[in-house]
């Protein structure tokens, strides 16, 4: 007859082995799961606006066209602060600032947004604030001139999709075709942001004070 004590002696190592194996497997599963979660962690987006120069830094939240006033605000900030940095975010109804003249003409931006060209006095068929004709408007408050003076510019990706889809019928194209064309025809130097409000947050975290570029009403 087999000794019961021997069964216990024999059984204990087997149970210990399987227990250790099970714990090891669970440990590996837990490690793999944690690693998968770490790898799937959402991105915080691009490093924008990056390190800004100068002691004085201000964000201009351009959410409407406001007859060109937002660019005047930027000029009024930079002029007395020669070492300052301005950051502009074009979002919501202010997105057309970010688009080049080809888009303005093809998609009837001026007509749709009721933007009057100060040169022709009619609905704008080109971007009035990018490389305007000499003698028209304030030459220091243009997108190209402000870029030369160090302004950092971003465009809301949500508004880019929304406004391109809205204007797509004007050019007889699909919303996706319009989005591709809008994205490829931004003013030089503009960064597409995950959203305009995302950009407002990042600019303030980078040390900018806030200036609304909205209506003066």
N, C-alpha and C. Protein backbone atom coordinates (compact mmCIF):
# COMPACT_ATOMS: atom_id res chain seq x y z
N UNK A 1 0.85 -1.20 0.00
CA UNK A 1 0.00 0.00 0.00
C UNK A 1 0.89 1.24 0.00
N UNK A 2 0.39 2.26 -0.78
CA UNK A 2 1.20 3.48 -0.91
C UNK A 2 1.04 4.35 0.32
N UNK A 3 2.10 4.89 0.77
CA UNK A 3 2.10 5.74 1.96
C UNK A 3 1.43 7.07 1.64
N UNK A 4 0.34 7.42 2.42
CA UNK A 4 -0.35 8.69 2.18
C UNK A 4 0.56 9.88 2.38
N UNK A 5 1.48 9.74 3.29
CA UNK A 5 2.43 10.83 3.49
C UNK A 5 3.28 11.06 2.25
N UNK A 6 3.54 9.94 1.56
CA UNK A 6 4.34 10.05 0.35
C UNK A 6 3.55 10.81 -0.72
N UNK A 7 2.18 10.55 -0.78
CA UNK A 7 1.33 11.28 -1.73
C UNK A 7 1.41 12.78 -1.47
N UNK A 8 1.33 13.10 -0.18
CA UNK A 8 1.42 14.52 0.16
C UNK A 8 2.77 15.09 -0.22
N UNK A 9 3.78 14.29 0.04
CA UNK A 9 5.13 14.77 -0.29
C UNK A 9 5.29 14.91 -1.79
N UNK A 10 4.70 13.92 -2.52
CA UNK A 10 4.81 13.99 -3.98
C UNK A 10 3.95 15.10 -4.55
N UNK A 11 2.76 15.31 -3.94
CA UNK A 11 1.82 16.28 -4.49
C UNK A 11 2.24 17.71 -4.28
N UNK A 12 2.90 17.99 -3.20
CA UNK A 12 3.25 19.37 -2.89
C UNK A 12 4.13 20.02 -3.95
N UNK A 13 5.20 19.35 -4.38
CA UNK A 13 6.03 19.97 -5.42
C UNK A 13 5.27 20.19 -6.71
N UNK A 14 4.35 19.24 -7.08
CA UNK A 14 3.61 19.40 -8.32
C UNK A 14 2.70 20.62 -8.24
N UNK A 15 1.99 20.77 -7.09
CA UNK A 15 1.12 21.92 -6.94
C UNK A 15 1.92 23.22 -6.95
N UNK A 16 3.07 23.20 -6.34
CA UNK A 16 3.92 24.40 -6.31
C UNK A 16 4.39 24.77 -7.71
N UNK A 17 4.74 23.76 -8.49
CA UNK A 17 5.22 24.01 -9.85
C UNK A 17 4.14 24.65 -10.71
N UNK A 18 2.91 24.03 -10.62
CA UNK A 18 1.83 24.58 -11.44
C UNK A 18 1.40 25.95 -10.95
N UNK A 19 1.47 26.16 -9.63
CA UNK A 19 1.12 27.48 -9.10
C UNK A 19 2.08 28.54 -9.58
N UNK A 20 3.37 28.21 -9.54
CA UNK A 20 4.40 29.17 -10.01
C UNK A 20 4.23 29.45 -11.49
N UNK A 21 3.95 28.39 -12.26
CA UNK A 21 3.79 28.55 -13.70
C UNK A 21 2.61 29.46 -14.00
N UNK A 22 1.49 29.24 -13.27
CA UNK A 22 0.29 30.06 -13.49
C UNK A 22 0.56 31.51 -13.14
N UNK A 23 1.22 31.74 -12.01
CA UNK A 23 1.54 33.11 -11.60
C UNK A 23 2.45 33.77 -12.60
N UNK A 24 3.40 33.01 -13.14
CA UNK A 24 4.32 33.57 -14.12
C UNK A 24 3.57 33.97 -15.38
N UNK A 25 2.63 33.10 -15.80
CA UNK A 25 1.86 33.40 -17.00
C UNK A 25 1.02 34.65 -16.80
N UNK A 26 0.37 34.76 -15.62
CA UNK A 26 -0.42 35.94 -15.34
C UNK A 26 0.44 37.19 -15.29
N UNK A 27 1.65 37.02 -14.73
CA UNK A 27 2.57 38.16 -14.67
C UNK A 27 2.97 38.62 -16.05
N UNK A 28 3.28 37.66 -16.93
CA UNK A 28 3.64 38.01 -18.31
C UNK A 28 2.48 38.65 -19.04
N UNK A 29 1.24 38.13 -18.77
CA UNK A 29 0.06 38.70 -19.41
C UNK A 29 -0.15 40.14 -18.96
N UNK A 30 0.03 40.34 -17.64
CA UNK A 30 -0.11 41.70 -17.11
C UNK A 30 0.91 42.65 -17.70
N UNK A 31 2.16 42.18 -17.83
CA UNK A 31 3.22 43.00 -18.41
C UNK A 31 2.92 43.33 -19.86
N UNK A 32 2.45 42.31 -20.61
CA UNK A 32 2.13 42.53 -22.02
C UNK A 32 0.99 43.52 -22.16
N UNK A 33 -0.03 43.40 -21.28
CA UNK A 33 -1.17 44.32 -21.34
C UNK A 33 -0.74 45.74 -21.04
N UNK A 34 0.10 45.89 -20.01
CA UNK A 34 0.60 47.22 -19.65
C UNK A 34 1.41 47.82 -20.79
N UNK A 35 2.22 46.98 -21.43
CA UNK A 35 3.02 47.46 -22.56
C UNK A 35 2.13 47.90 -23.71
N UNK A 36 1.08 47.11 -23.98
CA UNK A 36 0.16 47.45 -25.06
C UNK A 36 -0.53 48.78 -24.78
N UNK A 37 -0.94 48.97 -23.51
CA UNK A 37 -1.57 50.24 -23.15
C UNK A 37 -0.60 51.40 -23.32
N UNK A 38 0.66 51.19 -22.95
CA UNK A 38 1.67 52.24 -23.08
C UNK A 38 1.89 52.59 -24.55
N UNK A 39 1.93 51.55 -25.40
CA UNK A 39 2.15 51.79 -26.81
C UNK A 39 0.96 52.47 -27.46
N UNK A 40 -0.24 52.23 -26.91
CA UNK A 40 -1.45 52.80 -27.49
C UNK A 40 -1.81 54.15 -26.87
N UNK A 41 -0.96 54.66 -26.00
CA UNK A 41 -1.24 55.95 -25.36
C UNK A 41 -1.41 57.03 -26.42
N UNK A 42 -2.45 57.87 -26.31
CA UNK A 42 -2.70 58.90 -27.32
C UNK A 42 -1.59 59.94 -27.36
N UNK A 43 -1.34 60.45 -28.56
CA UNK A 43 -0.32 61.49 -28.73
C UNK A 43 -0.87 62.84 -28.31
N UNK A 44 -0.01 63.72 -27.82
CA UNK A 44 -0.42 65.07 -27.46
C UNK A 44 -0.29 66.03 -28.63
N UNK A 45 0.02 65.51 -29.82
CA UNK A 45 0.12 66.36 -31.00
C UNK A 45 1.53 66.91 -31.20
N UNK A 46 1.69 67.76 -32.22
CA UNK A 46 3.03 68.27 -32.55
C UNK A 46 3.57 69.23 -31.50
N UNK A 47 4.88 69.43 -31.54
CA UNK A 47 5.53 70.39 -30.63
C UNK A 47 5.37 71.78 -31.23
N UNK A 48 4.24 72.37 -30.97
CA UNK A 48 3.89 73.69 -31.53
C UNK A 48 3.39 74.59 -30.42
N UNK A 49 3.74 75.85 -30.40
CA UNK A 49 4.55 76.62 -31.35
C UNK A 49 6.06 76.49 -31.16
N UNK A 50 6.48 75.59 -30.27
CA UNK A 50 7.91 75.46 -29.99
C UNK A 50 8.39 76.56 -29.07
N UNK A 51 9.71 76.68 -28.97
CA UNK A 51 10.30 77.73 -28.11
C UNK A 51 10.12 79.09 -28.80
N UNK A 52 9.52 80.04 -28.11
CA UNK A 52 9.27 81.36 -28.67
C UNK A 52 10.33 82.35 -28.20
N UNK A 53 10.75 83.22 -29.09
CA UNK A 53 11.80 84.18 -28.78
C UNK A 53 11.23 85.44 -28.14
N UNK A 54 12.08 86.12 -27.40
CA UNK A 54 11.71 87.41 -26.84
C UNK A 54 11.03 87.32 -25.49
N UNK A 55 11.06 88.43 -24.79
CA UNK A 55 10.43 88.50 -23.47
C UNK A 55 8.91 88.59 -23.59
N UNK A 56 8.46 89.29 -24.63
CA UNK A 56 7.02 89.54 -24.80
C UNK A 56 6.46 88.62 -25.87
N UNK A 57 5.41 87.87 -25.50
CA UNK A 57 4.80 86.90 -26.41
C UNK A 57 3.29 87.00 -26.29
N UNK A 58 2.63 87.10 -27.43
CA UNK A 58 1.17 87.22 -27.38
C UNK A 58 0.51 86.37 -28.46
N UNK A 59 -0.60 85.73 -28.06
CA UNK A 59 -1.41 84.93 -28.96
C UNK A 59 -2.57 85.76 -29.47
N UNK A 60 -2.80 85.72 -30.79
CA UNK A 60 -3.94 86.39 -31.40
C UNK A 60 -4.88 85.31 -31.92
N UNK A 61 -6.03 85.20 -31.28
CA UNK A 61 -7.01 84.17 -31.57
C UNK A 61 -7.93 84.69 -32.67
N UNK A 62 -7.64 84.33 -33.91
CA UNK A 62 -8.36 84.88 -35.07
C UNK A 62 -9.50 83.94 -35.44
N UNK A 63 -10.67 84.17 -34.85
CA UNK A 63 -11.81 83.30 -35.10
C UNK A 63 -12.86 83.94 -36.01
N UNK A 64 -12.63 85.20 -36.45
CA UNK A 64 -13.44 85.83 -37.49
C UNK A 64 -12.51 86.66 -38.36
N UNK A 65 -12.98 87.04 -39.54
CA UNK A 65 -12.19 87.90 -40.42
C UNK A 65 -12.07 89.30 -39.83
N UNK A 66 -13.19 89.83 -39.33
CA UNK A 66 -13.19 91.12 -38.63
C UNK A 66 -12.49 92.21 -39.44
N UNK A 67 -12.77 92.23 -40.76
CA UNK A 67 -12.32 93.30 -41.65
C UNK A 67 -10.82 93.57 -41.62
N UNK A 68 -10.03 92.55 -41.31
CA UNK A 68 -8.57 92.73 -41.29
C UNK A 68 -8.00 93.23 -39.98
N UNK A 69 -8.87 93.53 -39.01
CA UNK A 69 -8.38 94.07 -37.73
C UNK A 69 -7.42 93.14 -37.00
N UNK A 70 -7.62 91.82 -37.02
CA UNK A 70 -6.67 90.95 -36.30
C UNK A 70 -5.22 91.16 -36.71
N UNK A 71 -4.98 91.37 -38.01
CA UNK A 71 -3.61 91.61 -38.47
C UNK A 71 -3.11 92.97 -38.00
N UNK A 72 -4.01 93.93 -37.90
CA UNK A 72 -3.65 95.23 -37.34
C UNK A 72 -3.27 95.10 -35.87
N UNK A 73 -4.00 94.25 -35.14
CA UNK A 73 -3.67 94.02 -33.73
C UNK A 73 -2.24 93.47 -33.60
N UNK A 74 -1.92 92.53 -34.48
CA UNK A 74 -0.57 91.92 -34.44
C UNK A 74 0.49 92.97 -34.72
N UNK A 75 0.27 93.80 -35.74
CA UNK A 75 1.22 94.86 -36.07
C UNK A 75 1.38 95.83 -34.91
N UNK A 76 0.28 96.18 -34.26
CA UNK A 76 0.33 97.13 -33.14
C UNK A 76 1.07 96.55 -31.94
N UNK A 77 1.09 95.23 -31.83
CA UNK A 77 1.83 94.59 -30.74
C UNK A 77 3.32 94.51 -31.06
N UNK A 78 3.65 94.12 -32.29
CA UNK A 78 5.05 93.91 -32.65
C UNK A 78 5.82 95.23 -32.76
N UNK A 79 5.20 96.26 -33.32
CA UNK A 79 5.91 97.51 -33.63
C UNK A 79 6.62 98.13 -32.44
N UNK A 80 5.98 98.28 -31.28
CA UNK A 80 6.71 98.86 -30.15
C UNK A 80 7.54 97.83 -29.36
N UNK A 81 7.42 96.57 -29.72
CA UNK A 81 8.16 95.49 -29.05
C UNK A 81 8.99 94.74 -30.08
N UNK A 82 10.10 95.31 -30.49
CA UNK A 82 10.85 94.77 -31.62
C UNK A 82 11.35 93.35 -31.41
N UNK A 83 11.56 92.95 -30.16
CA UNK A 83 12.06 91.60 -29.90
C UNK A 83 10.92 90.63 -29.57
N UNK A 84 9.67 91.09 -29.68
CA UNK A 84 8.53 90.27 -29.29
C UNK A 84 8.17 89.24 -30.35
N UNK A 85 7.40 88.24 -29.95
CA UNK A 85 6.91 87.23 -30.88
C UNK A 85 5.38 87.18 -30.81
N UNK A 86 4.76 87.21 -31.98
CA UNK A 86 3.31 87.10 -32.08
C UNK A 86 2.96 85.71 -32.62
N UNK A 87 1.90 85.14 -32.08
CA UNK A 87 1.39 83.85 -32.55
C UNK A 87 -0.05 84.07 -33.02
N UNK A 88 -0.36 83.63 -34.23
CA UNK A 88 -1.72 83.76 -34.77
C UNK A 88 -2.30 82.39 -35.03
N UNK A 89 -3.56 82.22 -34.61
CA UNK A 89 -4.27 80.98 -34.90
C UNK A 89 -5.53 81.34 -35.69
N UNK A 90 -5.64 80.77 -36.88
CA UNK A 90 -6.79 81.02 -37.74
C UNK A 90 -7.77 79.86 -37.58
N UNK A 91 -8.92 80.14 -37.02
CA UNK A 91 -9.90 79.09 -36.76
C UNK A 91 -11.31 79.62 -37.01
N UNK A 92 -12.26 78.70 -37.01
CA UNK A 92 -13.68 79.03 -37.17
C UNK A 92 -13.87 79.90 -38.43
N UNK A 93 -14.50 81.07 -38.30
CA UNK A 93 -14.74 81.92 -39.46
C UNK A 93 -13.50 82.71 -39.90
N UNK A 94 -12.42 82.58 -39.14
CA UNK A 94 -11.18 83.27 -39.50
C UNK A 94 -10.26 82.45 -40.38
N UNK A 95 -10.66 81.21 -40.71
CA UNK A 95 -9.80 80.34 -41.51
C UNK A 95 -9.39 80.92 -42.86
N UNK A 96 -10.25 81.67 -43.58
CA UNK A 96 -9.84 82.17 -44.90
C UNK A 96 -8.53 82.94 -44.92
N UNK A 97 -8.13 83.56 -43.82
CA UNK A 97 -6.83 84.23 -43.78
C UNK A 97 -5.71 83.27 -44.18
N UNK A 98 -5.86 82.01 -43.84
CA UNK A 98 -4.78 81.03 -44.03
C UNK A 98 -4.68 80.50 -45.46
N UNK A 99 -5.63 80.85 -46.32
CA UNK A 99 -5.70 80.27 -47.66
C UNK A 99 -5.10 81.19 -48.72
N UNK A 100 -4.43 80.61 -49.70
CA UNK A 100 -3.83 81.45 -50.75
C UNK A 100 -4.90 81.89 -51.76
N UNK A 101 -4.50 82.76 -52.67
CA UNK A 101 -5.45 83.40 -53.58
C UNK A 101 -6.09 82.43 -54.57
N UNK A 102 -5.42 81.36 -54.92
CA UNK A 102 -6.02 80.39 -55.83
C UNK A 102 -7.28 79.80 -55.22
N UNK A 103 -7.22 79.47 -53.92
CA UNK A 103 -8.38 78.92 -53.23
C UNK A 103 -9.49 79.96 -53.14
N UNK A 104 -9.12 81.19 -52.86
CA UNK A 104 -10.12 82.26 -52.79
C UNK A 104 -10.88 82.38 -54.10
N UNK A 105 -10.18 82.31 -55.22
CA UNK A 105 -10.82 82.46 -56.52
C UNK A 105 -11.68 81.23 -56.87
N UNK A 106 -11.10 80.05 -56.76
CA UNK A 106 -11.78 78.82 -57.18
C UNK A 106 -13.01 78.52 -56.33
N UNK A 107 -12.91 78.77 -55.02
CA UNK A 107 -13.99 78.37 -54.10
C UNK A 107 -14.89 79.55 -53.69
N UNK A 108 -14.70 80.71 -54.31
CA UNK A 108 -15.55 81.88 -54.05
C UNK A 108 -15.60 82.23 -52.57
N UNK A 109 -14.42 82.31 -51.99
CA UNK A 109 -14.31 82.58 -50.56
C UNK A 109 -14.89 83.95 -50.20
N UNK A 110 -14.50 84.97 -50.96
CA UNK A 110 -14.97 86.32 -50.67
C UNK A 110 -16.48 86.44 -50.75
N UNK A 111 -17.05 85.84 -51.78
CA UNK A 111 -18.50 85.89 -51.96
C UNK A 111 -19.22 85.16 -50.83
N UNK A 112 -18.73 83.99 -50.47
CA UNK A 112 -19.37 83.18 -49.44
C UNK A 112 -19.29 83.84 -48.06
N UNK A 113 -18.12 84.39 -47.73
CA UNK A 113 -17.91 84.99 -46.41
C UNK A 113 -18.23 86.49 -46.39
N UNK A 114 -18.68 87.01 -47.54
CA UNK A 114 -19.01 88.44 -47.66
C UNK A 114 -17.81 89.33 -47.28
N UNK A 115 -16.67 89.01 -47.90
CA UNK A 115 -15.44 89.77 -47.66
C UNK A 115 -15.20 90.69 -48.85
N UNK A 116 -15.10 91.97 -48.59
CA UNK A 116 -14.89 92.96 -49.65
C UNK A 116 -13.41 93.24 -49.80
N UNK A 117 -12.95 93.21 -51.05
CA UNK A 117 -11.55 93.52 -51.35
C UNK A 117 -11.37 95.03 -51.29
N UNK A 118 -10.48 95.56 -50.45
CA UNK A 118 -10.30 97.01 -50.34
C UNK A 118 -9.80 97.66 -51.63
N UNK A 119 -9.25 96.85 -52.52
CA UNK A 119 -8.77 97.40 -53.79
C UNK A 119 -9.89 97.53 -54.82
N UNK A 120 -10.69 96.46 -54.98
CA UNK A 120 -11.72 96.46 -56.01
C UNK A 120 -13.09 96.92 -55.49
N UNK A 121 -13.26 96.93 -54.19
CA UNK A 121 -14.53 97.28 -53.53
C UNK A 121 -15.64 96.27 -53.84
N UNK A 122 -15.25 95.09 -54.35
CA UNK A 122 -16.22 94.04 -54.61
C UNK A 122 -15.84 92.80 -53.82
N UNK A 123 -16.64 91.73 -53.92
CA UNK A 123 -16.30 90.49 -53.23
C UNK A 123 -14.90 90.02 -53.60
N UNK A 124 -14.08 89.72 -52.60
CA UNK A 124 -12.66 89.39 -52.84
C UNK A 124 -12.54 88.07 -53.62
N UNK A 125 -11.77 88.11 -54.69
CA UNK A 125 -11.47 86.90 -55.47
C UNK A 125 -10.01 86.48 -55.25
N UNK A 126 -9.34 87.17 -54.34
CA UNK A 126 -7.98 86.80 -53.92
C UNK A 126 -7.89 87.14 -52.44
N UNK A 127 -6.85 86.63 -51.79
CA UNK A 127 -6.65 86.94 -50.37
C UNK A 127 -6.17 88.39 -50.25
N UNK A 128 -7.00 89.30 -49.73
CA UNK A 128 -6.63 90.72 -49.69
C UNK A 128 -5.46 91.03 -48.76
N UNK A 129 -5.14 90.09 -47.86
CA UNK A 129 -4.12 90.35 -46.85
C UNK A 129 -2.82 89.58 -47.08
N UNK A 130 -2.69 89.00 -48.28
CA UNK A 130 -1.46 88.31 -48.63
C UNK A 130 -0.90 88.92 -49.91
N UNK A 131 0.26 89.58 -49.77
CA UNK A 131 0.93 90.23 -50.89
C UNK A 131 -0.02 91.14 -51.67
N UNK A 132 -0.67 92.10 -50.99
CA UNK A 132 -1.60 93.00 -51.68
C UNK A 132 -0.85 93.98 -52.58
N UNK A 133 -1.60 94.62 -53.46
CA UNK A 133 -1.03 95.63 -54.34
C UNK A 133 -0.49 96.79 -53.52
N UNK A 134 0.64 97.36 -53.94
CA UNK A 134 1.26 98.48 -53.22
C UNK A 134 0.26 99.62 -53.07
N UNK A 135 0.22 100.19 -51.89
CA UNK A 135 -0.66 101.32 -51.63
C UNK A 135 -2.04 100.93 -51.14
N UNK A 136 -2.32 99.63 -51.07
CA UNK A 136 -3.63 99.16 -50.59
C UNK A 136 -3.49 98.65 -49.16
N UNK A 137 -4.18 99.31 -48.24
CA UNK A 137 -4.14 98.88 -46.85
C UNK A 137 -2.82 99.24 -46.17
N UNK A 138 -2.64 98.69 -44.98
CA UNK A 138 -1.43 98.91 -44.19
C UNK A 138 -0.38 97.89 -44.62
N UNK A 139 0.74 98.33 -45.22
CA UNK A 139 1.74 97.38 -45.71
C UNK A 139 2.41 96.57 -44.61
N UNK A 140 2.34 97.02 -43.37
CA UNK A 140 2.94 96.29 -42.25
C UNK A 140 1.99 95.25 -41.66
N UNK A 141 0.70 95.36 -41.99
CA UNK A 141 -0.29 94.46 -41.42
C UNK A 141 -0.79 93.47 -42.48
N UNK A 142 0.16 92.83 -43.16
CA UNK A 142 -0.18 91.80 -44.14
C UNK A 142 0.43 90.48 -43.67
N UNK A 143 -0.14 89.38 -44.13
CA UNK A 143 0.34 88.07 -43.68
C UNK A 143 1.79 87.83 -44.05
N UNK A 144 2.18 88.21 -45.26
CA UNK A 144 3.56 87.99 -45.69
C UNK A 144 4.53 88.84 -44.88
N UNK A 145 4.15 90.09 -44.61
CA UNK A 145 5.04 90.98 -43.86
C UNK A 145 5.15 90.55 -42.40
N UNK A 146 4.05 90.13 -41.81
CA UNK A 146 4.08 89.69 -40.41
C UNK A 146 4.90 88.40 -40.26
N UNK A 147 4.85 87.54 -41.29
CA UNK A 147 5.66 86.32 -41.25
C UNK A 147 7.14 86.66 -41.27
N UNK A 148 7.52 87.63 -42.09
CA UNK A 148 8.92 88.08 -42.15
C UNK A 148 9.36 88.64 -40.80
N UNK A 149 8.43 89.25 -40.08
CA UNK A 149 8.74 89.84 -38.79
C UNK A 149 8.70 88.81 -37.65
N UNK A 150 8.56 87.56 -37.99
CA UNK A 150 8.68 86.50 -37.00
C UNK A 150 7.40 85.94 -36.44
N UNK A 151 6.25 86.32 -36.98
CA UNK A 151 4.98 85.80 -36.47
C UNK A 151 4.88 84.29 -36.74
N UNK A 152 4.36 83.57 -35.75
CA UNK A 152 4.14 82.12 -35.86
C UNK A 152 2.66 81.92 -36.17
N UNK A 153 2.35 81.10 -37.18
CA UNK A 153 0.96 80.97 -37.61
C UNK A 153 0.51 79.51 -37.64
N UNK A 154 -0.72 79.28 -37.17
CA UNK A 154 -1.31 77.95 -37.21
C UNK A 154 -2.75 78.03 -37.70
N UNK A 155 -3.21 76.96 -38.34
CA UNK A 155 -4.60 76.88 -38.82
C UNK A 155 -5.30 75.70 -38.17
N UNK A 156 -6.53 75.91 -37.78
CA UNK A 156 -7.32 74.87 -37.13
C UNK A 156 -7.65 73.76 -38.13
N UNK A 157 -7.26 72.54 -37.81
CA UNK A 157 -7.55 71.42 -38.69
C UNK A 157 -9.03 71.10 -38.77
N UNK A 158 -9.77 71.35 -37.70
CA UNK A 158 -11.21 71.11 -37.69
C UNK A 158 -11.91 72.10 -38.63
N UNK A 159 -11.51 73.38 -38.53
CA UNK A 159 -12.08 74.40 -39.41
C UNK A 159 -11.68 74.15 -40.87
N UNK A 160 -10.48 73.65 -41.07
CA UNK A 160 -10.01 73.36 -42.43
C UNK A 160 -10.92 72.33 -43.09
N UNK A 161 -11.25 71.30 -42.36
CA UNK A 161 -12.16 70.28 -42.90
C UNK A 161 -13.57 70.84 -43.06
N UNK A 162 -14.05 71.55 -42.06
CA UNK A 162 -15.41 72.06 -42.10
C UNK A 162 -15.63 73.09 -43.20
N UNK A 163 -14.73 74.06 -43.31
CA UNK A 163 -14.90 75.12 -44.31
C UNK A 163 -14.64 74.61 -45.73
N UNK A 164 -13.70 73.70 -45.89
CA UNK A 164 -13.46 73.14 -47.22
C UNK A 164 -14.68 72.35 -47.69
N UNK A 165 -15.31 71.61 -46.78
CA UNK A 165 -16.53 70.89 -47.12
C UNK A 165 -17.67 71.82 -47.45
N UNK A 166 -17.75 72.92 -46.72
CA UNK A 166 -18.80 73.91 -46.96
C UNK A 166 -18.66 74.56 -48.34
N UNK A 167 -17.42 74.85 -48.74
CA UNK A 167 -17.18 75.55 -50.00
C UNK A 167 -16.98 74.61 -51.20
N UNK A 168 -16.90 73.31 -50.96
CA UNK A 168 -16.67 72.36 -52.05
C UNK A 168 -17.66 72.50 -53.20
N UNK A 169 -18.97 72.68 -52.94
CA UNK A 169 -19.92 72.82 -54.05
C UNK A 169 -19.62 74.03 -54.95
N UNK A 170 -19.00 75.07 -54.40
CA UNK A 170 -18.67 76.25 -55.20
C UNK A 170 -17.70 75.92 -56.34
N UNK A 171 -16.89 74.88 -56.12
CA UNK A 171 -15.91 74.47 -57.14
C UNK A 171 -16.31 73.18 -57.83
N UNK A 172 -17.45 72.61 -57.46
CA UNK A 172 -17.91 71.39 -58.08
C UNK A 172 -17.06 70.17 -57.77
N UNK A 173 -16.52 70.12 -56.55
CA UNK A 173 -15.69 68.98 -56.14
C UNK A 173 -16.26 68.37 -54.88
N UNK A 174 -15.75 67.19 -54.52
CA UNK A 174 -16.19 66.55 -53.28
C UNK A 174 -15.54 67.22 -52.08
N UNK A 175 -16.10 66.95 -50.91
CA UNK A 175 -15.53 67.50 -49.67
C UNK A 175 -14.11 67.03 -49.46
N UNK A 176 -13.82 65.77 -49.75
CA UNK A 176 -12.47 65.24 -49.57
C UNK A 176 -11.49 65.87 -50.55
N UNK A 177 -11.93 66.09 -51.78
CA UNK A 177 -11.06 66.76 -52.77
C UNK A 177 -10.77 68.19 -52.35
N UNK A 178 -11.78 68.86 -51.83
CA UNK A 178 -11.59 70.24 -51.37
C UNK A 178 -10.62 70.30 -50.20
N UNK A 179 -10.76 69.35 -49.26
CA UNK A 179 -9.86 69.33 -48.10
C UNK A 179 -8.42 69.18 -48.54
N UNK A 180 -8.16 68.28 -49.47
CA UNK A 180 -6.80 68.08 -49.97
C UNK A 180 -6.27 69.35 -50.62
N UNK A 181 -7.11 70.02 -51.38
CA UNK A 181 -6.66 71.23 -52.07
C UNK A 181 -6.45 72.38 -51.11
N UNK A 182 -7.33 72.52 -50.13
CA UNK A 182 -7.16 73.57 -49.12
C UNK A 182 -5.85 73.35 -48.36
N UNK A 183 -5.61 72.13 -47.95
CA UNK A 183 -4.42 71.81 -47.16
C UNK A 183 -3.15 72.07 -47.95
N UNK A 184 -3.19 71.82 -49.25
CA UNK A 184 -2.01 72.02 -50.10
C UNK A 184 -1.80 73.48 -50.49
N UNK A 185 -2.77 74.33 -50.19
CA UNK A 185 -2.68 75.72 -50.62
C UNK A 185 -2.87 76.71 -49.47
N UNK A 186 -2.22 76.41 -48.36
CA UNK A 186 -2.16 77.33 -47.24
C UNK A 186 -1.06 78.36 -47.48
N UNK A 187 -1.19 79.51 -46.84
CA UNK A 187 -0.13 80.53 -46.89
C UNK A 187 1.17 79.90 -46.39
N UNK A 188 2.31 80.16 -47.05
CA UNK A 188 3.58 79.57 -46.60
C UNK A 188 3.86 79.85 -45.12
N UNK A 189 4.31 78.82 -44.42
CA UNK A 189 4.68 78.97 -43.02
C UNK A 189 3.60 78.61 -42.03
N UNK A 190 2.40 78.29 -42.51
CA UNK A 190 1.30 77.96 -41.61
C UNK A 190 1.32 76.46 -41.27
N UNK A 191 1.16 76.16 -39.99
CA UNK A 191 1.10 74.78 -39.52
C UNK A 191 -0.34 74.38 -39.28
N UNK A 192 -0.74 73.21 -39.78
CA UNK A 192 -2.08 72.70 -39.51
C UNK A 192 -2.09 72.09 -38.10
N UNK A 193 -3.00 72.57 -37.26
CA UNK A 193 -3.10 72.14 -35.87
C UNK A 193 -4.24 71.15 -35.69
N UNK A 194 -4.16 70.29 -34.67
CA UNK A 194 -5.28 69.36 -34.42
C UNK A 194 -6.62 70.09 -34.29
N UNK A 195 -6.60 71.24 -33.64
CA UNK A 195 -7.78 72.10 -33.56
C UNK A 195 -7.32 73.49 -33.15
N UNK A 196 -8.17 74.47 -33.36
CA UNK A 196 -7.81 75.83 -32.97
C UNK A 196 -7.70 76.00 -31.47
N UNK A 197 -8.64 75.37 -30.74
CA UNK A 197 -8.59 75.49 -29.28
C UNK A 197 -7.38 74.77 -28.71
N UNK A 198 -6.96 73.68 -29.36
CA UNK A 198 -5.71 73.00 -28.98
C UNK A 198 -4.56 73.99 -29.11
N UNK A 199 -4.53 74.74 -30.21
CA UNK A 199 -3.46 75.70 -30.44
C UNK A 199 -3.47 76.84 -29.44
N UNK A 200 -4.67 77.30 -29.08
CA UNK A 200 -4.78 78.37 -28.07
C UNK A 200 -4.15 77.91 -26.77
N UNK A 201 -4.44 76.69 -26.37
CA UNK A 201 -3.87 76.14 -25.15
C UNK A 201 -2.36 76.05 -25.23
N UNK A 202 -1.83 75.51 -26.34
CA UNK A 202 -0.38 75.33 -26.47
C UNK A 202 0.36 76.67 -26.49
N UNK A 203 -0.21 77.65 -27.14
CA UNK A 203 0.44 78.97 -27.19
C UNK A 203 0.49 79.59 -25.80
N UNK A 204 -0.57 79.44 -25.03
CA UNK A 204 -0.58 79.99 -23.68
C UNK A 204 0.39 79.23 -22.77
N UNK A 205 0.49 77.91 -22.96
CA UNK A 205 1.46 77.14 -22.20
C UNK A 205 2.89 77.56 -22.55
N UNK A 206 3.08 78.05 -23.79
CA UNK A 206 4.41 78.50 -24.22
C UNK A 206 4.73 79.91 -23.74
N UNK A 207 3.83 80.50 -22.97
CA UNK A 207 4.11 81.80 -22.37
C UNK A 207 3.40 82.99 -22.98
N UNK A 208 2.44 82.75 -23.89
CA UNK A 208 1.75 83.86 -24.55
C UNK A 208 0.60 84.39 -23.69
N UNK A 209 0.44 85.70 -23.72
CA UNK A 209 -0.79 86.30 -23.22
C UNK A 209 -1.82 86.20 -24.35
N UNK A 210 -3.07 86.50 -24.06
CA UNK A 210 -4.15 86.24 -25.02
C UNK A 210 -4.76 87.53 -25.53
N UNK A 211 -4.99 87.58 -26.85
CA UNK A 211 -5.71 88.70 -27.46
C UNK A 211 -6.74 88.12 -28.43
N UNK A 212 -8.02 88.46 -28.21
CA UNK A 212 -9.09 88.01 -29.10
C UNK A 212 -9.02 88.79 -30.40
N UNK A 213 -9.14 88.08 -31.51
CA UNK A 213 -9.12 88.74 -32.82
C UNK A 213 -10.51 88.85 -33.42
N UNK A 214 -11.53 88.78 -32.57
CA UNK A 214 -12.91 88.77 -33.04
C UNK A 214 -13.45 90.13 -33.38
N UNK A 215 -14.75 90.20 -33.45
CA UNK A 215 -15.43 91.43 -33.85
C UNK A 215 -15.21 92.53 -32.85
N UNK A 216 -15.20 93.77 -33.35
CA UNK A 216 -15.06 94.94 -32.49
C UNK A 216 -16.43 95.46 -32.03
N UNK A 217 -17.52 94.77 -32.44
CA UNK A 217 -18.88 95.21 -32.05
C UNK A 217 -19.08 95.09 -30.53
